[in-house]
Every structure is written in C-alpha cells, then in structure tokens.
C-alpha cells in the first residue's frame, strides 16, 4: 500500500470515529425503563427487566405495550434493536420477542449490553394502531 493510501485510510477512519462520537447524550429525564410514548404517539411502552440491567450479562426482560387510550396491545409484531450512539455500534446480540404473555405483555430474550454507558434500546411495534417506534435511553 502506498503512503497516500495509508493517509486516505487514516483520514477515513478518523472521520468515522469522529462522527460516531458526535451523538449528544439526552437529558437525564429521558433515561429509564418508561413508560415511553412512541414517536407517532400510537403506543406507550414500559420495560420490565427481570433483574437490574447490567453490562456483560445475558438477560431477558418484559415489555408492556398499551395504545394511546391505555388499552393493552395484544398480537403486535415487535422488532428489537439498539446500540451505543456515542460509540457507533449496535447491540452485541440479536434480542427478540419470544412470546406474548397476554395483557399487552411480551417477553424479550437475548438482551446483552457489552459495556457500561449510554445505550439506546429500540422497539419497532406493528399493532392494531399501525407501525411505530419507541426508544429507551438506558444508562448502565
């Protein structure tokens, strides 16, 4: 590799890492397990961890979902995503909803946070009120 190619690669790497670190941490009131209203205000979700959320532990949690009127949302399709905005990486596992427990309560398994810090835990919900997303800011 030529010196100019090393320089170009180094510049690109610096740009990637500087952009990843540009995420602004939300205000303290924006953190926690909820309740959180979805982006389009169709749903309200509340995380119910089975234990204190900790880094480097495989865990499961439940999420309660109600519609804008407060009625339990059953039979929703829920996808889980997330990551560390300030570090530019996603979750180290692929958490997923494994069962509906009724009454708008769902079991999410395979949750793991590989380090302490600010994490976004995102749910894409597709239920009777339509598709929407909700983001939880978690500080581990």
C-alpha atoms as a PDB file:
ATOM      1  CA  UNK A   1       0.000   0.000   0.000  1.00  0.00           C
ATOM      2  CA  UNK A   2       1.337   3.451  -0.923  1.00  0.00           C
ATOM      3  CA  UNK A   3       1.809   6.222   1.628  1.00  0.00           C
ATOM      4  CA  UNK A   4      -1.088   8.178   0.084  1.00  0.00           C
ATOM      5  CA  UNK A   5      -3.381   5.151   0.523  1.00  0.00           C
ATOM      6  CA  UNK A   6      -2.391   4.871   4.210  1.00  0.00           C
ATOM      7  CA  UNK A   7      -3.090   8.568   4.637  1.00  0.00           C
ATOM      8  CA  UNK A   8      -6.500   8.238   2.953  1.00  0.00           C
ATOM      9  CA  UNK A   9      -7.390   5.194   5.081  1.00  0.00           C
ATOM     10  CA  UNK A  10      -6.302   7.007   8.255  1.00  0.00           C
ATOM     11  CA  UNK A  11      -8.391  10.049   7.341  1.00  0.00           C
ATOM     12  CA  UNK A  12     -11.457   7.894   6.667  1.00  0.00           C
ATOM     13  CA  UNK A  13     -11.018   6.064   9.976  1.00  0.00           C
ATOM     14  CA  UNK A  14     -10.693   9.386  11.819  1.00  0.00           C
ATOM     15  CA  UNK A  15     -13.853  10.650  10.135  1.00  0.00           C
ATOM     16  CA  UNK A  16     -15.817   7.511  11.053  1.00  0.00           C
ATOM     17  CA  UNK A  17     -14.742   7.649  14.683  1.00  0.00           C
ATOM     18  CA  UNK A  18     -15.376  11.392  14.985  1.00  0.00           C
ATOM     19  CA  UNK A  19     -18.897  11.051  13.519  1.00  0.00           C
ATOM     20  CA  UNK A  20     -19.693   8.106  15.822  1.00  0.00           C
ATOM     21  CA  UNK A  21     -18.709  10.197  18.834  1.00  0.00           C
ATOM     22  CA  UNK A  22     -20.944  13.161  17.861  1.00  0.00           C
ATOM     23  CA  UNK A  23     -24.154  11.789  19.372  1.00  0.00           C
ATOM     24  CA  UNK A  24     -25.461  14.093  22.073  1.00  0.00           C
ATOM     25  CA  UNK A  25     -26.498  12.417  25.295  1.00  0.00           C
ATOM     26  CA  UNK A  26     -30.180  13.083  26.114  1.00  0.00           C
ATOM     27  CA  UNK A  27     -31.239  14.949  29.250  1.00  0.00           C
ATOM     28  CA  UNK A  28     -31.428  12.919  32.465  1.00  0.00           C
ATOM     29  CA  UNK A  29     -35.245  12.892  32.303  1.00  0.00           C
ATOM     30  CA  UNK A  30     -35.075  10.985  29.008  1.00  0.00           C
ATOM     31  CA  UNK A  31     -33.500   7.912  30.642  1.00  0.00           C
ATOM     32  CA  UNK A  32     -35.190   4.910  32.208  1.00  0.00           C
ATOM     33  CA  UNK A  33     -37.452   1.967  31.549  1.00  0.00           C
ATOM     34  CA  UNK A  34     -40.532   4.076  30.933  1.00  0.00           C
ATOM     35  CA  UNK A  35     -43.287   4.485  30.345  1.00  0.00           C
ATOM     36  CA  UNK A  36     -42.209   5.922  26.972  1.00  0.00           C
ATOM     37  CA  UNK A  37     -44.552   7.205  24.272  1.00  0.00           C
ATOM     38  CA  UNK A  38     -43.791   6.060  20.730  1.00  0.00           C
ATOM     39  CA  UNK A  39     -42.628   8.510  18.044  1.00  0.00           C
ATOM     40  CA  UNK A  40     -46.072   8.803  16.407  1.00  0.00           C
ATOM     41  CA  UNK A  41     -47.868   8.622  19.789  1.00  0.00           C
ATOM     42  CA  UNK A  42     -49.653   5.361  18.870  1.00  0.00           C
ATOM     43  CA  UNK A  43     -48.289   3.335  21.783  1.00  0.00           C
ATOM     44  CA  UNK A  44     -46.882   3.623  25.282  1.00  0.00           C
ATOM     45  CA  UNK A  45     -44.270   1.032  26.247  1.00  0.00           C
ATOM     46  CA  UNK A  46     -42.701   0.175  29.588  1.00  0.00           C
ATOM     47  CA  UNK A  47     -39.717  -2.133  30.006  1.00  0.00           C
ATOM     48  CA  UNK A  48     -39.920  -4.574  32.896  1.00  0.00           C
ATOM     49  CA  UNK A  49     -36.439  -6.045  33.432  1.00  0.00           C
ATOM     50  CA  UNK A  50     -36.411  -9.294  35.417  1.00  0.00           C
ATOM     51  CA  UNK A  51     -33.302  -8.062  37.272  1.00  0.00           C
ATOM     52  CA  UNK A  52     -31.183  -4.921  37.372  1.00  0.00           C
ATOM     53  CA  UNK A  53     -29.769  -4.330  33.896  1.00  0.00           C
ATOM     54  CA  UNK A  54     -26.015  -4.887  33.954  1.00  0.00           C
ATOM     55  CA  UNK A  55     -23.234  -4.990  31.382  1.00  0.00           C
ATOM     56  CA  UNK A  56     -21.791  -8.309  30.191  1.00  0.00           C
ATOM     57  CA  UNK A  57     -24.792 -10.444  31.267  1.00  0.00           C
ATOM     58  CA  UNK A  58     -27.260 -12.221  29.020  1.00  0.00           C
ATOM     59  CA  UNK A  59     -30.697 -11.211  30.282  1.00  0.00           C
ATOM     60  CA  UNK A  60     -34.354 -11.189  29.445  1.00  0.00           C
ATOM     61  CA  UNK A  61     -36.959  -8.557  30.086  1.00  0.00           C
ATOM     62  CA  UNK A  62     -40.595  -7.937  29.516  1.00  0.00           C
ATOM     63  CA  UNK A  63     -42.222  -5.008  27.810  1.00  0.00           C
ATOM     64  CA  UNK A  64     -45.750  -3.806  28.406  1.00  0.00           C
ATOM     65  CA  UNK A  65     -47.442  -2.089  25.472  1.00  0.00           C
ATOM     66  CA  UNK A  66     -50.696  -0.153  25.546  1.00  0.00           C
ATOM     67  CA  UNK A  67     -52.316   2.007  22.887  1.00  0.00           C
ATOM     68  CA  UNK A  68     -52.948   5.752  23.165  1.00  0.00           C
ATOM     69  CA  UNK A  69     -56.182   5.045  25.077  1.00  0.00           C
ATOM     70  CA  UNK A  70     -54.389   2.833  27.608  1.00  0.00           C
ATOM     71  CA  UNK A  71     -55.737  -0.450  26.227  1.00  0.00           C
ATOM     72  CA  UNK A  72     -53.382  -3.461  26.204  1.00  0.00           C
ATOM     73  CA  UNK A  73     -51.936  -4.211  22.760  1.00  0.00           C
ATOM     74  CA  UNK A  74     -52.002  -7.926  22.027  1.00  0.00           C
ATOM     75  CA  UNK A  75     -50.745  -9.722  18.927  1.00  0.00           C
ATOM     76  CA  UNK A  76     -48.271  -6.973  17.987  1.00  0.00           C
ATOM     77  CA  UNK A  77     -45.219  -7.676  15.880  1.00  0.00           C
ATOM     78  CA  UNK A  78     -42.177  -6.271  17.714  1.00  0.00           C
ATOM     79  CA  UNK A  79     -38.602  -5.981  16.481  1.00  0.00           C
ATOM     80  CA  UNK A  80     -35.751  -5.103  18.853  1.00  0.00           C
ATOM     81  CA  UNK A  81     -32.657  -3.060  18.021  1.00  0.00           C
ATOM     82  CA  UNK A  82     -30.328  -0.638  19.737  1.00  0.00           C
ATOM     83  CA  UNK A  83     -26.781   0.342  20.412  1.00  0.00           C
ATOM     84  CA  UNK A  84     -24.409   2.925  21.827  1.00  0.00           C
ATOM     85  CA  UNK A  85     -24.806   6.173  19.853  1.00  0.00           C
ATOM     86  CA  UNK A  86     -21.595   7.697  21.225  1.00  0.00           C
ATOM     87  CA  UNK A  87     -19.587   4.624  20.232  1.00  0.00           C
ATOM     88  CA  UNK A  88     -21.263   3.936  16.899  1.00  0.00           C
ATOM     89  CA  UNK A  89     -22.045   0.253  17.481  1.00  0.00           C
ATOM     90  CA  UNK A  90     -25.175  -1.810  17.936  1.00  0.00           C
ATOM     91  CA  UNK A  91     -26.177  -4.422  20.462  1.00  0.00           C
ATOM     92  CA  UNK A  92     -23.771  -7.377  20.646  1.00  0.00           C
ATOM     93  CA  UNK A  93     -26.687  -9.849  20.452  1.00  0.00           C
ATOM     94  CA  UNK A  94     -29.920 -10.101  18.481  1.00  0.00           C
ATOM     95  CA  UNK A  95     -32.638  -9.789  21.147  1.00  0.00           C
ATOM     96  CA  UNK A  96     -36.100 -10.847  20.082  1.00  0.00           C
ATOM     97  CA  UNK A  97     -39.611 -11.211  21.394  1.00  0.00           C
ATOM     98  CA  UNK A  98     -40.078 -14.888  22.154  1.00  0.00           C
ATOM     99  CA  UNK A  99     -43.646 -14.889  23.405  1.00  0.00           C
ATOM    100  CA  UNK A 100     -46.725 -12.864  24.105  1.00  0.00           C
ATOM    101  CA  UNK A 101     -47.800 -13.246  27.734  1.00  0.00           C
ATOM    102  CA  UNK A 102     -51.209 -11.610  27.242  1.00  0.00           C
ATOM    103  CA  UNK A 103     -52.488  -8.308  28.522  1.00  0.00           C
ATOM    104  CA  UNK A 104     -50.050  -6.395  26.299  1.00  0.00           C
ATOM    105  CA  UNK A 105     -47.015  -8.043  27.929  1.00  0.00           C
ATOM    106  CA  UNK A 106     -44.214  -9.543  25.818  1.00  0.00           C
ATOM    107  CA  UNK A 107     -41.052 -11.480  26.719  1.00  0.00           C
ATOM    108  CA  UNK A 108     -37.771 -10.293  25.146  1.00  0.00           C
ATOM    109  CA  UNK A 109     -34.830 -12.701  25.364  1.00  0.00           C
ATOM    110  CA  UNK A 110     -31.189 -12.433  24.352  1.00  0.00           C
ATOM    111  CA  UNK A 111     -30.526  -8.950  25.707  1.00  0.00           C
ATOM    112  CA  UNK A 112     -26.865  -8.162  26.393  1.00  0.00           C
ATOM    113  CA  UNK A 113     -25.029  -4.887  26.845  1.00  0.00           C
ATOM    114  CA  UNK A 114     -21.289  -5.412  26.465  1.00  0.00           C
ATOM    115  CA  UNK A 115     -20.158  -2.366  28.474  1.00  0.00           C
ATOM    116  CA  UNK A 116     -21.373   0.361  30.775  1.00  0.00           C
ATOM    117  CA  UNK A 117     -22.591   3.691  29.414  1.00  0.00           C
ATOM    118  CA  UNK A 118     -25.483   5.162  27.438  1.00  0.00           C
ATOM    119  CA  UNK A 119     -27.460   2.629  25.398  1.00  0.00           C
ATOM    120  CA  UNK A 120     -30.488   3.080  23.185  1.00  0.00           C
ATOM    121  CA  UNK A 121     -32.921   0.160  23.302  1.00  0.00           C
ATOM    122  CA  UNK A 122     -35.348   0.452  20.385  1.00  0.00           C
ATOM    123  CA  UNK A 123     -38.625  -1.293  19.654  1.00  0.00           C
ATOM    124  CA  UNK A 124     -40.393  -1.247  16.298  1.00  0.00           C
ATOM    125  CA  UNK A 125     -44.034  -2.023  17.063  1.00  0.00           C
ATOM    126  CA  UNK A 126     -46.598  -3.030  14.466  1.00  0.00           C
ATOM    127  CA  UNK A 127     -50.004  -3.463  16.075  1.00  0.00           C
ATOM    128  CA  UNK A 128     -53.645  -2.591  15.569  1.00  0.00           C
ATOM    129  CA  UNK A 129     -52.898   1.153  15.688  1.00  0.00           C
ATOM    130  CA  UNK A 130     -50.241   0.811  12.956  1.00  0.00           C
ATOM    131  CA  UNK A 131     -46.460   0.842  12.871  1.00  0.00           C
ATOM    132  CA  UNK A 132     -44.436   2.997  15.265  1.00  0.00           C
ATOM    133  CA  UNK A 133     -41.158   3.058  17.176  1.00  0.00           C
ATOM    134  CA  UNK A 134     -40.154   3.728  20.755  1.00  0.00           C
ATOM    135  CA  UNK A 135     -36.651   4.325  22.098  1.00  0.00           C
ATOM    136  CA  UNK A 136     -35.495   3.817  25.657  1.00  0.00           C
ATOM    137  CA  UNK A 137     -32.301   5.522  26.814  1.00  0.00           C
ATOM    138  CA  UNK A 138     -30.581   3.316  29.351  1.00  0.00           C
ATOM    139  CA  UNK A 139     -27.565   4.161  31.490  1.00  0.00           C
ATOM    140  CA  UNK A 140     -25.726   1.072  32.664  1.00  0.00           C
END
